[in-house]
C-alpha atoms as a PDB file:
ATOM      1  CA  MET A   1     135.203-121.051 140.838  1.00  0.00           C
ATOM      2  CA  LYS A   2     138.434-119.837 139.231  1.00  0.00           C
ATOM      3  CA  ILE A   3     138.357-118.360 135.726  1.00  0.00           C
ATOM      4  CA  LEU A   4     141.764-117.913 134.073  1.00  0.00           C
ATOM      5  CA  ILE A   5     142.509-115.582 131.168  1.00  0.00           C
ATOM      6  CA  ALA A   6     145.742-116.762 129.533  1.00  0.00           C
ATOM      7  CA  THR A   7     146.906-114.505 126.709  1.00  0.00           C
ATOM      8  CA  GLU A   8     150.364-114.083 125.232  1.00  0.00           C
ATOM      9  CA  LYS A   9     148.909-110.991 123.586  1.00  0.00           C
ATOM     10  CA  PRO A  10     146.639-109.441 126.233  1.00  0.00           C
ATOM     11  CA  PHE A  11     143.135-108.141 125.804  1.00  0.00           C
ATOM     12  CA  ALA A  12     142.688-104.378 125.903  1.00  0.00           C
ATOM     13  CA  LYS A  13     142.135-102.921 129.377  1.00  0.00           C
ATOM     14  CA  THR A  14     138.531-102.109 128.488  1.00  0.00           C
ATOM     15  CA  ALA A  15     137.933-105.775 127.673  1.00  0.00           C
ATOM     16  CA  ILE A  16     139.601-106.978 130.892  1.00  0.00           C
ATOM     17  CA  ASP A  17     137.538-104.556 132.969  1.00  0.00           C
ATOM     18  CA  GLY A  18     134.352-105.795 131.316  1.00  0.00           C
ATOM     19  CA  ILE A  19     135.283-109.458 131.715  1.00  0.00           C
ATOM     20  CA  LYS A  20     136.166-108.907 135.373  1.00  0.00           C
ATOM     21  CA  LYS A  21     132.800-107.297 136.043  1.00  0.00           C
ATOM     22  CA  ILE A  22     130.921-110.195 134.412  1.00  0.00           C
ATOM     23  CA  ILE A  23     132.930-112.864 136.244  1.00  0.00           C
ATOM     24  CA  GLU A  24     132.892-111.220 139.668  1.00  0.00           C
ATOM     25  CA  ASN A  25     129.187-110.346 139.455  1.00  0.00           C
ATOM     26  CA  ALA A  26     128.587-114.069 138.944  1.00  0.00           C
ATOM     27  CA  GLY A  27     130.501-114.768 142.168  1.00  0.00           C
ATOM     28  CA  TYR A  28     133.609-116.210 140.520  1.00  0.00           C
ATOM     29  CA  GLU A  29     137.318-115.376 140.792  1.00  0.00           C
ATOM     30  CA  LEU A  30     139.218-113.980 137.803  1.00  0.00           C
ATOM     31  CA  CYS A  31     142.946-114.597 137.343  1.00  0.00           C
ATOM     32  CA  LEU A  32     145.241-113.247 134.619  1.00  0.00           C
ATOM     33  CA  LEU A  33     148.267-114.697 132.875  1.00  0.00           C
ATOM     34  CA  GLU A  34     149.406-112.121 130.330  1.00  0.00           C
ATOM     35  CA  LYS A  35     152.452-111.890 128.066  1.00  0.00           C
ATOM     36  CA  TYR A  36     153.729-115.291 129.161  1.00  0.00           C
ATOM     37  CA  THR A  37     156.751-116.592 127.277  1.00  0.00           C
ATOM     38  CA  ALA A  38     156.759-120.349 127.917  1.00  0.00           C
ATOM     39  CA  GLU A  39     154.195-123.141 128.038  1.00  0.00           C
ATOM     40  CA  THR A  40     155.406-124.044 131.535  1.00  0.00           C
ATOM     41  CA  GLN A  41     153.933-120.772 132.809  1.00  0.00           C
ATOM     42  CA  LEU A  42     150.579-121.682 131.319  1.00  0.00           C
ATOM     43  CA  LEU A  43     150.749-125.201 132.731  1.00  0.00           C
ATOM     44  CA  SER A  44     151.291-123.805 136.210  1.00  0.00           C
ATOM     45  CA  ALA A  45     148.570-121.170 135.960  1.00  0.00           C
ATOM     46  CA  VAL A  46     145.898-123.524 134.606  1.00  0.00           C
ATOM     47  CA  ALA A  47     146.485-126.249 137.202  1.00  0.00           C
ATOM     48  CA  ASP A  48     143.571-125.198 139.449  1.00  0.00           C
ATOM     49  CA  ALA A  49     141.438-123.281 136.944  1.00  0.00           C
ATOM     50  CA  ASP A  50     137.808-124.253 136.392  1.00  0.00           C
ATOM     51  CA  ALA A  51     137.522-122.267 133.166  1.00  0.00           C
ATOM     52  CA  LEU A  52     139.981-120.875 130.651  1.00  0.00           C
ATOM     53  CA  ILE A  53     139.731-117.980 128.192  1.00  0.00           C
ATOM     54  CA  VAL A  54     142.366-117.694 125.452  1.00  0.00           C
ATOM     55  CA  ARG A  55     142.867-115.771 122.221  1.00  0.00           C
ATOM     56  CA  SER A  56     145.248-117.425 119.727  1.00  0.00           C
ATOM     57  CA  ASP A  57     147.093-119.232 122.509  1.00  0.00           C
ATOM     58  CA  LYS A  58     147.599-122.951 121.946  1.00  0.00           C
ATOM     59  CA  VAL A  59     145.641-125.167 124.307  1.00  0.00           C
ATOM     60  CA  THR A  60     147.539-128.409 123.750  1.00  0.00           C
ATOM     61  CA  LYS A  61     147.144-131.855 125.286  1.00  0.00           C
ATOM     62  CA  ASN A  62     149.838-130.861 127.791  1.00  0.00           C
ATOM     63  CA  VAL A  63     147.730-127.904 128.890  1.00  0.00           C
ATOM     64  CA  ILE A  64     144.597-130.041 129.152  1.00  0.00           C
ATOM     65  CA  ASP A  65     146.407-132.713 131.161  1.00  0.00           C
ATOM     66  CA  ALA A  66     147.760-130.084 133.559  1.00  0.00           C
ATOM     67  CA  ALA A  67     144.319-128.539 134.119  1.00  0.00           C
ATOM     68  CA  LYS A  68     142.908-130.956 136.660  1.00  0.00           C
ATOM     69  CA  ASN A  69     139.787-128.893 137.440  1.00  0.00           C
ATOM     70  CA  LEU A  70     139.086-127.513 133.967  1.00  0.00           C
ATOM     71  CA  LYS A  71     135.505-127.834 132.759  1.00  0.00           C
ATOM     72  CA  ILE A  72     135.368-125.310 129.895  1.00  0.00           C
ATOM     73  CA  VAL A  73     137.773-123.475 127.594  1.00  0.00           C
ATOM     74  CA  VAL A  74     136.625-120.608 125.379  1.00  0.00           C
ATOM     75  CA  ARG A  75     138.590-119.261 122.452  1.00  0.00           C
ATOM     76  CA  ALA A  76     137.759-115.550 122.162  1.00  0.00           C
ATOM     77  CA  GLY A  77     137.388-115.496 118.401  1.00  0.00           C
ATOM     78  CA  ALA A  78     135.856-117.460 115.557  1.00  0.00           C
ATOM     79  CA  GLY A  79     138.638-119.926 114.713  1.00  0.00           C
ATOM     80  CA  PHE A  80     139.399-122.693 117.179  1.00  0.00           C
ATOM     81  CA  ASP A  81     142.195-124.697 115.562  1.00  0.00           C
ATOM     82  CA  ASN A  82     144.454-123.634 118.451  1.00  0.00           C
ATOM     83  CA  LEU A  83     142.396-125.864 120.758  1.00  0.00           C
ATOM     84  CA  ASP A  84     143.111-129.596 120.971  1.00  0.00           C
ATOM     85  CA  LEU A  85     139.498-130.702 120.690  1.00  0.00           C
ATOM     86  CA  THR A  86     140.326-134.391 121.028  1.00  0.00           C
ATOM     87  CA  ALA A  87     142.108-133.815 124.324  1.00  0.00           C
ATOM     88  CA  CYS A  88     139.214-131.663 125.547  1.00  0.00           C
ATOM     89  CA  THR A  89     136.668-134.325 124.683  1.00  0.00           C
ATOM     90  CA  GLU A  90     138.701-137.080 126.358  1.00  0.00           C
ATOM     91  CA  LYS A  91     138.663-135.091 129.602  1.00  0.00           C
ATOM     92  CA  ASN A  92     134.990-134.075 129.245  1.00  0.00           C
ATOM     93  CA  ILE A  93     135.965-130.437 128.847  1.00  0.00           C
ATOM     94  CA  VAL A  94     133.602-128.253 126.827  1.00  0.00           C
ATOM     95  CA  ALA A  95     135.421-126.235 124.144  1.00  0.00           C
ATOM     96  CA  MET A  96     133.775-123.130 122.699  1.00  0.00           C
ATOM     97  CA  ASN A  97     134.491-120.243 120.352  1.00  0.00           C
ATOM     98  CA  THR A  98     132.777-116.841 120.108  1.00  0.00           C
ATOM     99  CA  PRO A  99     131.494-116.734 116.523  1.00  0.00           C
ATOM    100  CA  GLY A 100     130.542-113.406 115.021  1.00  0.00           C
ATOM    101  CA  GLN A 101     132.350-111.158 117.477  1.00  0.00           C
ATOM    102  CA  ASN A 102     135.286-110.444 115.136  1.00  0.00           C
ATOM    103  CA  SER A 103     133.310-110.635 111.906  1.00  0.00           C
ATOM    104  CA  ASN A 104     132.970-106.963 111.095  1.00  0.00           C
ATOM    105  CA  ALA A 105     136.667-106.318 111.729  1.00  0.00           C
ATOM    106  CA  VAL A 106     137.656-109.086 109.305  1.00  0.00           C
ATOM    107  CA  ALA A 107     135.080-108.033 106.707  1.00  0.00           C
ATOM    108  CA  GLU A 108     136.317-104.442 106.678  1.00  0.00           C
ATOM    109  CA  LEU A 109     139.891-105.688 106.285  1.00  0.00           C
ATOM    110  CA  VAL A 110     138.888-107.724 103.208  1.00  0.00           C
ATOM    111  CA  LEU A 111     137.669-104.646 101.380  1.00  0.00           C
ATOM    112  CA  GLY A 112     140.647-102.637 102.600  1.00  0.00           C
ATOM    113  CA  LEU A 113     143.061-105.203 101.163  1.00  0.00           C
ATOM    114  CA  MET A 114     141.183-105.204  97.876  1.00  0.00           C
ATOM    115  CA  VAL A 115     141.416-101.422  97.549  1.00  0.00           C
ATOM    116  CA  PHE A 116     145.111-101.568  98.530  1.00  0.00           C
ATOM    117  CA  MET A 117     145.919-104.042  95.760  1.00  0.00           C
ATOM    118  CA  ASN A 118     143.748-102.232  93.208  1.00  0.00           C
ATOM    119  CA  ARG A 119     145.669 -99.013  93.843  1.00  0.00           C
ATOM    120  CA  ASN A 120     149.124-100.553  93.345  1.00  0.00           C
ATOM    121  CA  LYS A 121     149.743-100.909  97.084  1.00  0.00           C
ATOM    122  CA  PHE A 122     149.174 -97.149  97.324  1.00  0.00           C
ATOM    123  CA  ASN A 123     152.109 -96.420  95.034  1.00  0.00           C
ATOM    124  CA  ALA A 124     152.002 -94.112  92.023  1.00  0.00           C
ATOM    125  CA  GLY A 125     150.405 -95.422  88.854  1.00  0.00           C
ATOM    126  CA  THR A 126     146.994 -96.079  87.359  1.00  0.00           C
ATOM    127  CA  GLY A 127     144.888 -98.416  89.445  1.00  0.00           C
ATOM    128  CA  THR A 128     141.432 -99.900  89.074  1.00  0.00           C
ATOM    129  CA  GLU A 129     138.109 -99.492  90.876  1.00  0.00           C
ATOM    130  CA  LEU A 130     135.971-102.065  92.645  1.00  0.00           C
ATOM    131  CA  LYS A 131     132.725-100.645  91.290  1.00  0.00           C
ATOM    132  CA  GLY A 132     131.157-102.941  88.745  1.00  0.00           C
ATOM    133  CA  LYS A 133     133.553-105.819  89.441  1.00  0.00           C
ATOM    134  CA  ARG A 134     132.422-109.270  90.531  1.00  0.00           C
ATOM    135  CA  LEU A 135     133.333-110.584  93.999  1.00  0.00           C
ATOM    136  CA  GLY A 136     133.042-114.267  94.870  1.00  0.00           C
ATOM    137  CA  ILE A 137     132.625-115.221  98.520  1.00  0.00           C
ATOM    138  CA  HIS A 138     133.858-118.714  99.331  1.00  0.00           C
ATOM    139  CA  ALA A 139     131.766-119.636 102.406  1.00  0.00           C
ATOM    140  CA  TYR A 140     128.812-117.490 103.367  1.00  0.00           C
ATOM    141  CA  GLY A 141     129.033-117.412 107.157  1.00  0.00           C
ATOM    142  CA  ASN A 142     129.198-114.456 109.543  1.00  0.00           C
ATOM    143  CA  VAL A 143     132.174-112.828 107.847  1.00  0.00           C
ATOM    144  CA  GLY A 144     131.069-113.692 104.317  1.00  0.00           C
ATOM    145  CA  ARG A 145     127.687-112.042 104.827  1.00  0.00           C
ATOM    146  CA  LEU A 146     129.299-108.836 106.069  1.00  0.00           C
ATOM    147  CA  VAL A 147     131.803-108.823 103.205  1.00  0.00           C
ATOM    148  CA  ALA A 148     128.860-109.084 100.810  1.00  0.00           C
ATOM    149  CA  ARG A 149     127.052-106.196 102.486  1.00  0.00           C
ATOM    150  CA  ILE A 150     130.090-103.896 102.378  1.00  0.00           C
ATOM    151  CA  ALA A 151     130.985-104.898  98.807  1.00  0.00           C
ATOM    152  CA  LYS A 152     127.486-104.021  97.646  1.00  0.00           C
ATOM    153  CA  GLY A 153     128.124-100.541  99.044  1.00  0.00           C
ATOM    154  CA  PHE A 154     131.021-100.350  96.582  1.00  0.00           C
ATOM    155  CA  GLU A 155     128.491-101.321  93.887  1.00  0.00           C
ATOM    156  CA  MET A 156     130.183-104.636  93.271  1.00  0.00           C
ATOM    157  CA  GLU A 157     128.304-107.661  91.950  1.00  0.00           C
ATOM    158  CA  VAL A 158     128.502-110.322  94.648  1.00  0.00           C
ATOM    159  CA  TRP A 159     128.399-114.086  94.170  1.00  0.00           C
ATOM    160  CA  ALA A 160     128.724-116.782  96.850  1.00  0.00           C
ATOM    161  CA  PHE A 161     129.236-120.503  97.273  1.00  0.00           C
ATOM    162  CA  ASP A 162     128.416-122.373 100.471  1.00  0.00           C
ATOM    163  CA  PRO A 163     127.016-125.917 100.449  1.00  0.00           C
ATOM    164  CA  PHE A 164     125.801-125.447 104.030  1.00  0.00           C
ATOM    165  CA  VAL A 165     123.711-122.328 103.348  1.00  0.00           C
ATOM    166  CA  SER A 166     120.568-122.486 101.228  1.00  0.00           C
ATOM    167  CA  LYS A 167     120.461-120.649  97.910  1.00  0.00           C
ATOM    168  CA  GLU A 168     117.323-118.900  99.130  1.00  0.00           C
ATOM    169  CA  THR A 169     119.177-117.447 102.130  1.00  0.00           C
ATOM    170  CA  ILE A 170     122.036-116.186  99.960  1.00  0.00           C
ATOM    171  CA  GLN A 171     119.776-114.769  97.282  1.00  0.00           C
ATOM    172  CA  ALA A 172     117.634-112.990  99.885  1.00  0.00           C
ATOM    173  CA  ASP A 173     120.684-110.795 100.520  1.00  0.00           C
ATOM    174  CA  GLY A 174     120.861-109.797  96.868  1.00  0.00           C
ATOM    175  CA  VAL A 175     123.779-112.168  96.280  1.00  0.00           C
ATOM    176  CA  THR A 176     124.021-114.647  93.410  1.00  0.00           C
ATOM    177  CA  ALA A 177     124.276-118.225  94.727  1.00  0.00           C
ATOM    178  CA  VAL A 178     126.228-120.761  92.661  1.00  0.00           C
ATOM    179  CA  ASP A 179     125.854-124.537  92.781  1.00  0.00           C
ATOM    180  CA  ASN A 180     129.539-125.459  92.563  1.00  0.00           C
ATOM    181  CA  ILE A 181     132.853-123.935  93.483  1.00  0.00           C
ATOM    182  CA  GLU A 182     134.163-123.972  89.925  1.00  0.00           C
ATOM    183  CA  ASP A 183     131.458-121.504  88.865  1.00  0.00           C
ATOM    184  CA  LEU A 184     132.521-119.094  91.601  1.00  0.00           C
ATOM    185  CA  TYR A 185     136.173-119.015  90.554  1.00  0.00           C
ATOM    186  CA  THR A 186     135.427-118.976  86.826  1.00  0.00           C
ATOM    187  CA  ASN A 187     133.117-115.982  86.997  1.00  0.00           C
ATOM    188  CA  CYS A 188     134.599-113.717  89.671  1.00  0.00           C
ATOM    189  CA  ASN A 189     137.331-111.077  89.414  1.00  0.00           C
ATOM    190  CA  TYR A 190     137.968-111.416  93.136  1.00  0.00           C
ATOM    191  CA  VAL A 191     137.490-114.364  95.474  1.00  0.00           C
ATOM    192  CA  SER A 192     137.492-113.919  99.251  1.00  0.00           C
ATOM    193  CA  LEU A 193     138.144-117.036 101.349  1.00  0.00           C
ATOM    194  CA  HIS A 194     136.200-117.646 104.555  1.00  0.00           C
ATOM    195  CA  ILE A 195     136.483-121.412 104.911  1.00  0.00           C
ATOM    196  CA  PRO A 196     137.811-123.150 108.052  1.00  0.00           C
ATOM    197  CA  ALA A 197     140.936-125.294 108.028  1.00  0.00           C
ATOM    198  CA  ASN A 198     139.925-128.945 108.342  1.00  0.00           C
ATOM    199  CA  GLU A 199     140.689-132.252 106.673  1.00  0.00           C
ATOM    200  CA  LYS A 200     138.416-131.456 103.732  1.00  0.00           C
ATOM    201  CA  THR A 201     139.625-127.915 103.119  1.00  0.00           C
ATOM    202  CA  LYS A 202     143.372-128.058 103.746  1.00  0.00           C
ATOM    203  CA  LYS A 203     145.237-127.376 100.465  1.00  0.00           C
ATOM    204  CA  SER A 204     141.883-127.283  98.666  1.00  0.00           C
ATOM    205  CA  ILE A 205     142.686-123.906  97.096  1.00  0.00           C
ATOM    206  CA  ASN A 206     144.983-125.279  94.436  1.00  0.00           C
ATOM    207  CA  TYR A 207     146.305-124.661  90.930  1.00  0.00           C
ATOM    208  CA  LYS A 208     143.345-126.251  89.169  1.00  0.00           C
ATOM    209  CA  LEU A 209     140.834-124.087  91.013  1.00  0.00           C
ATOM    210  CA  LEU A 210     142.754-120.811  90.873  1.00  0.00           C
ATOM    211  CA  SER A 211     143.569-121.220  87.185  1.00  0.00           C
ATOM    212  CA  LEU A 212     139.835-120.849  86.500  1.00  0.00           C
ATOM    213  CA  MET A 213     139.873-117.199  87.569  1.00  0.00           C
ATOM    214  CA  PRO A 214     139.604-114.595  84.796  1.00  0.00           C
ATOM    215  CA  LYS A 215     142.451-112.346  83.711  1.00  0.00           C
ATOM    216  CA  GLY A 216     143.498-109.934  86.450  1.00  0.00           C
ATOM    217  CA  GLY A 217     141.988-112.122  89.174  1.00  0.00           C
ATOM    218  CA  CYS A 218     142.767-111.517  92.831  1.00  0.00           C
ATOM    219  CA  LEU A 219     142.501-114.004  95.717  1.00  0.00           C
ATOM    220  CA  ILE A 220     141.991-112.615  99.221  1.00  0.00           C
ATOM    221  CA  ASN A 221     142.689-114.889 102.194  1.00  0.00           C
ATOM    222  CA  THR A 222     141.702-113.779 105.688  1.00  0.00           C
ATOM    223  CA  ALA A 223     140.817-117.340 106.712  1.00  0.00           C
ATOM    224  CA  ARG A 224     143.637-119.841 107.335  1.00  0.00           C
ATOM    225  CA  LYS A 225     146.920-120.383 105.515  1.00  0.00           C
ATOM    226  CA  GLU A 226     146.450-124.149 105.612  1.00  0.00           C
ATOM    227  CA  VAL A 227     143.646-124.014 103.046  1.00  0.00           C
ATOM    228  CA  ILE A 228     146.133-122.856 100.392  1.00  0.00           C
ATOM    229  CA  ASP A 229     148.324-125.304  98.491  1.00  0.00           C
ATOM    230  CA  GLU A 230     151.415-123.097  98.658  1.00  0.00           C
ATOM    231  CA  ASP A 231     153.418-124.898  95.977  1.00  0.00           C
ATOM    232  CA  GLU A 232     150.542-124.756  93.528  1.00  0.00           C
ATOM    233  CA  LEU A 233     149.863-121.100  94.333  1.00  0.00           C
ATOM    234  CA  THR A 234     153.496-120.334  93.518  1.00  0.00           C
ATOM    235  CA  LYS A 235     153.184-122.257  90.251  1.00  0.00           C
ATOM    236  CA  LEU A 236     150.066-120.311  89.315  1.00  0.00           C
ATOM    237  CA  LEU A 237     151.662-116.934  90.074  1.00  0.00           C
ATOM    238  CA  ASP A 238     154.662-117.972  87.978  1.00  0.00           C
ATOM    239  CA  GLU A 239     152.483-118.782  84.991  1.00  0.00           C
ATOM    240  CA  ARG A 240     149.795-116.112  85.391  1.00  0.00           C
ATOM    241  CA  ILE A 241     151.530-112.724  85.524  1.00  0.00           C
ATOM    242  CA  ASP A 242     148.088-111.108  85.786  1.00  0.00           C
ATOM    243  CA  MET A 243     147.086-112.832  89.042  1.00  0.00           C
ATOM    244  CA  LYS A 244     147.291-111.289  92.520  1.00  0.00           C
ATOM    245  CA  TYR A 245     147.278-112.754  96.003  1.00  0.00           C
ATOM    246  CA  VAL A 246     146.705-110.809  99.205  1.00  0.00           C
ATOM    247  CA  THR A 247     146.535-112.416 102.628  1.00  0.00           C
ATOM    248  CA  ASP A 248     146.176-111.779 106.338  1.00  0.00           C
ATOM    249  CA  VAL A 249     147.630-115.215 107.082  1.00  0.00           C
ATOM    250  CA  ALA A 250     151.115-115.257 105.610  1.00  0.00           C
ATOM    251  CA  PRO A 251     152.108-118.611 104.056  1.00  0.00           C
ATOM    252  CA  SER A 252     155.360-120.270 105.080  1.00  0.00           C
ATOM    253  CA  ASN A 253     156.909-119.291 101.730  1.00  0.00           C
ATOM    254  CA  ILE A 254     155.866-115.639 101.913  1.00  0.00           C
ATOM    255  CA  SER A 255     159.457-114.371 101.610  1.00  0.00           C
ATOM    256  CA  GLU A 256     159.831-116.255  98.326  1.00  0.00           C
ATOM    257  CA  LEU A 257     156.488-114.979  97.043  1.00  0.00           C
ATOM    258  CA  LEU A 258     157.263-111.365  97.900  1.00  0.00           C
ATOM    259  CA  GLN A 259     160.674-111.581  96.295  1.00  0.00           C
ATOM    260  CA  LYS A 260     159.354-113.096  93.076  1.00  0.00           C
ATOM    261  CA  PHE A 261     155.994-111.345  92.788  1.00  0.00           C
ATOM    262  CA  ASP A 262     156.402-108.131  94.762  1.00  0.00           C
ATOM    263  CA  THR A 263     153.783-106.064  92.931  1.00  0.00           C
ATOM    264  CA  ARG A 264     151.228-108.894  92.874  1.00  0.00           C
ATOM    265  CA  VAL A 265     151.503-110.331  96.383  1.00  0.00           C
ATOM    266  CA  PHE A 266     150.957-108.790  99.800  1.00  0.00           C
ATOM    267  CA  ALA A 267     150.774-110.227 103.309  1.00  0.00           C
ATOM    268  CA  THR A 268     150.094-108.368 106.524  1.00  0.00           C
ATOM    269  CA  PRO A 269     153.075-108.601 108.936  1.00  0.00           C
ATOM    270  CA  LYS A 270     150.908-110.689 111.279  1.00  0.00           C
ATOM    271  CA  LYS A 271     147.294-111.790 111.393  1.00  0.00           C
ATOM    272  CA  ILE A 272     145.374-108.570 112.047  1.00  0.00           C
ATOM    273  CA  GLY A 273     141.848-109.485 110.956  1.00  0.00           C
ATOM    274  CA  ALA A 274     140.430-109.302 114.470  1.00  0.00           C
ATOM    275  CA  GLU A 275     142.807-106.606 115.684  1.00  0.00           C
ATOM    276  CA  THR A 276     140.370-103.796 116.326  1.00  0.00           C
ATOM    277  CA  ALA A 277     139.444-102.304 119.675  1.00  0.00           C
ATOM    278  CA  GLU A 278     135.814-103.215 119.098  1.00  0.00           C
ATOM    279  CA  ALA A 279     136.478-106.860 118.191  1.00  0.00           C
ATOM    280  CA  ASN A 280     138.865-107.248 121.129  1.00  0.00           C
ATOM    281  CA  VAL A 281     136.211-106.138 123.580  1.00  0.00           C
ATOM    282  CA  ASN A 282     133.323-107.985 121.904  1.00  0.00           C
ATOM    283  CA  ALA A 283     135.115-111.349 121.859  1.00  0.00           C
ATOM    284  CA  GLY A 284     136.330-111.056 125.451  1.00  0.00           C
ATOM    285  CA  LEU A 285     132.920-110.145 126.841  1.00  0.00           C
ATOM    286  CA  ALA A 286     131.257-112.902 124.837  1.00  0.00           C
ATOM    287  CA  ALA A 287     133.716-115.456 126.231  1.00  0.00           C
ATOM    288  CA  ALA A 288     133.009-114.355 129.796  1.00  0.00           C
ATOM    289  CA  ASN A 289     129.245-114.445 129.310  1.00  0.00           C
ATOM    290  CA  GLN A 290     129.421-117.912 127.739  1.00  0.00           C
ATOM    291  CA  ILE A 291     131.364-119.245 130.721  1.00  0.00           C
ATOM    292  CA  VAL A 292     128.877-117.785 133.204  1.00  0.00           C
ATOM    293  CA  ASN A 293     125.929-119.163 131.219  1.00  0.00           C
ATOM    294  CA  PHE A 294     127.615-122.561 131.095  1.00  0.00           C
ATOM    295  CA  PHE A 295     128.133-122.765 134.851  1.00  0.00           C
ATOM    296  CA  LYS A 296     124.811-121.175 135.810  1.00  0.00           C
ATOM    297  CA  ASN A 297     122.512-122.672 133.176  1.00  0.00           C
ATOM    298  CA  GLY A 298     124.402-125.518 131.511  1.00  0.00           C
ATOM    299  CA  ASP A 299     124.363-123.551 128.230  1.00  0.00           C
ATOM    300  CA  LYS A 300     126.550-125.220 125.572  1.00  0.00           C
ATOM    301  CA  THR A 301     125.308-123.233 122.566  1.00  0.00           C
ATOM    302  CA  PHE A 302     128.745-122.514 121.134  1.00  0.00           C
ATOM    303  CA  GLN A 303     130.390-125.860 121.913  1.00  0.00           C
ATOM    304  CA  VAL A 304     132.705-126.971 119.098  1.00  0.00           C
ATOM    305  CA  ASN A 305     133.717-130.428 120.342  1.00  0.00           C
ATOM    306  CA  LYS A 306     130.287-132.076 120.257  1.00  0.00           C
END
């Protein structure tokens, strides 16, 4: 059984060593394709692989078609929009992610970005504090829960909206649950996005919704850039000189936004939410264990193309 790790941006050595131990202890062969520069290299490497582990690498229909023996692909991370789920399903390939492994890294970044913006991007001048402010969490999953926990340590008042999580579950964490998304944006000084990018959510964060935020509002996006309506965000920032936007997933018009709204907009140079040593190792080991459990026990717990 051949397990391929294909990563343009490699795992840390500690993660690779751990993955290798898990795979080889199970009696399987581990192969590496790191820092590849063309899809053709991936197509060649995956041709005889039984399982594939990737990070943000794109597993397209071409890759799936080239992988004649492939039975499972695992994205080491929470998001899985880099996997062609339709192509996987057509070839009876199980696609998985590793939810929760990067959550703490992303949650810490959210609060770090909020402090950064509150303190004028760490430039001179009077800033503001998070204590006593109201934070709205848009989607109360693994990351959202951790953001709430950390924010409460800052003595923030935390609200959340998630139609898939019961109000009782949210309120048990000392978080105020709201019935509709408009209430979240209307009542919160900050809103942190944790929604996936799908047909229902793409461009759902629009002018109408953002215009509900109170004076001095700040939107934090560590989710996906596709959920933002970029044109309407630009319109809002034009009209609301009090509003701020900070993101770990730079929109396509980020150069324009930074030029026009330099003091009120910030984007990390690349997506760094999961870029911690701990998250790197956790996600890699989880991916390896899920593959072994799939082959040994038929475990499909984290399948995303059901």
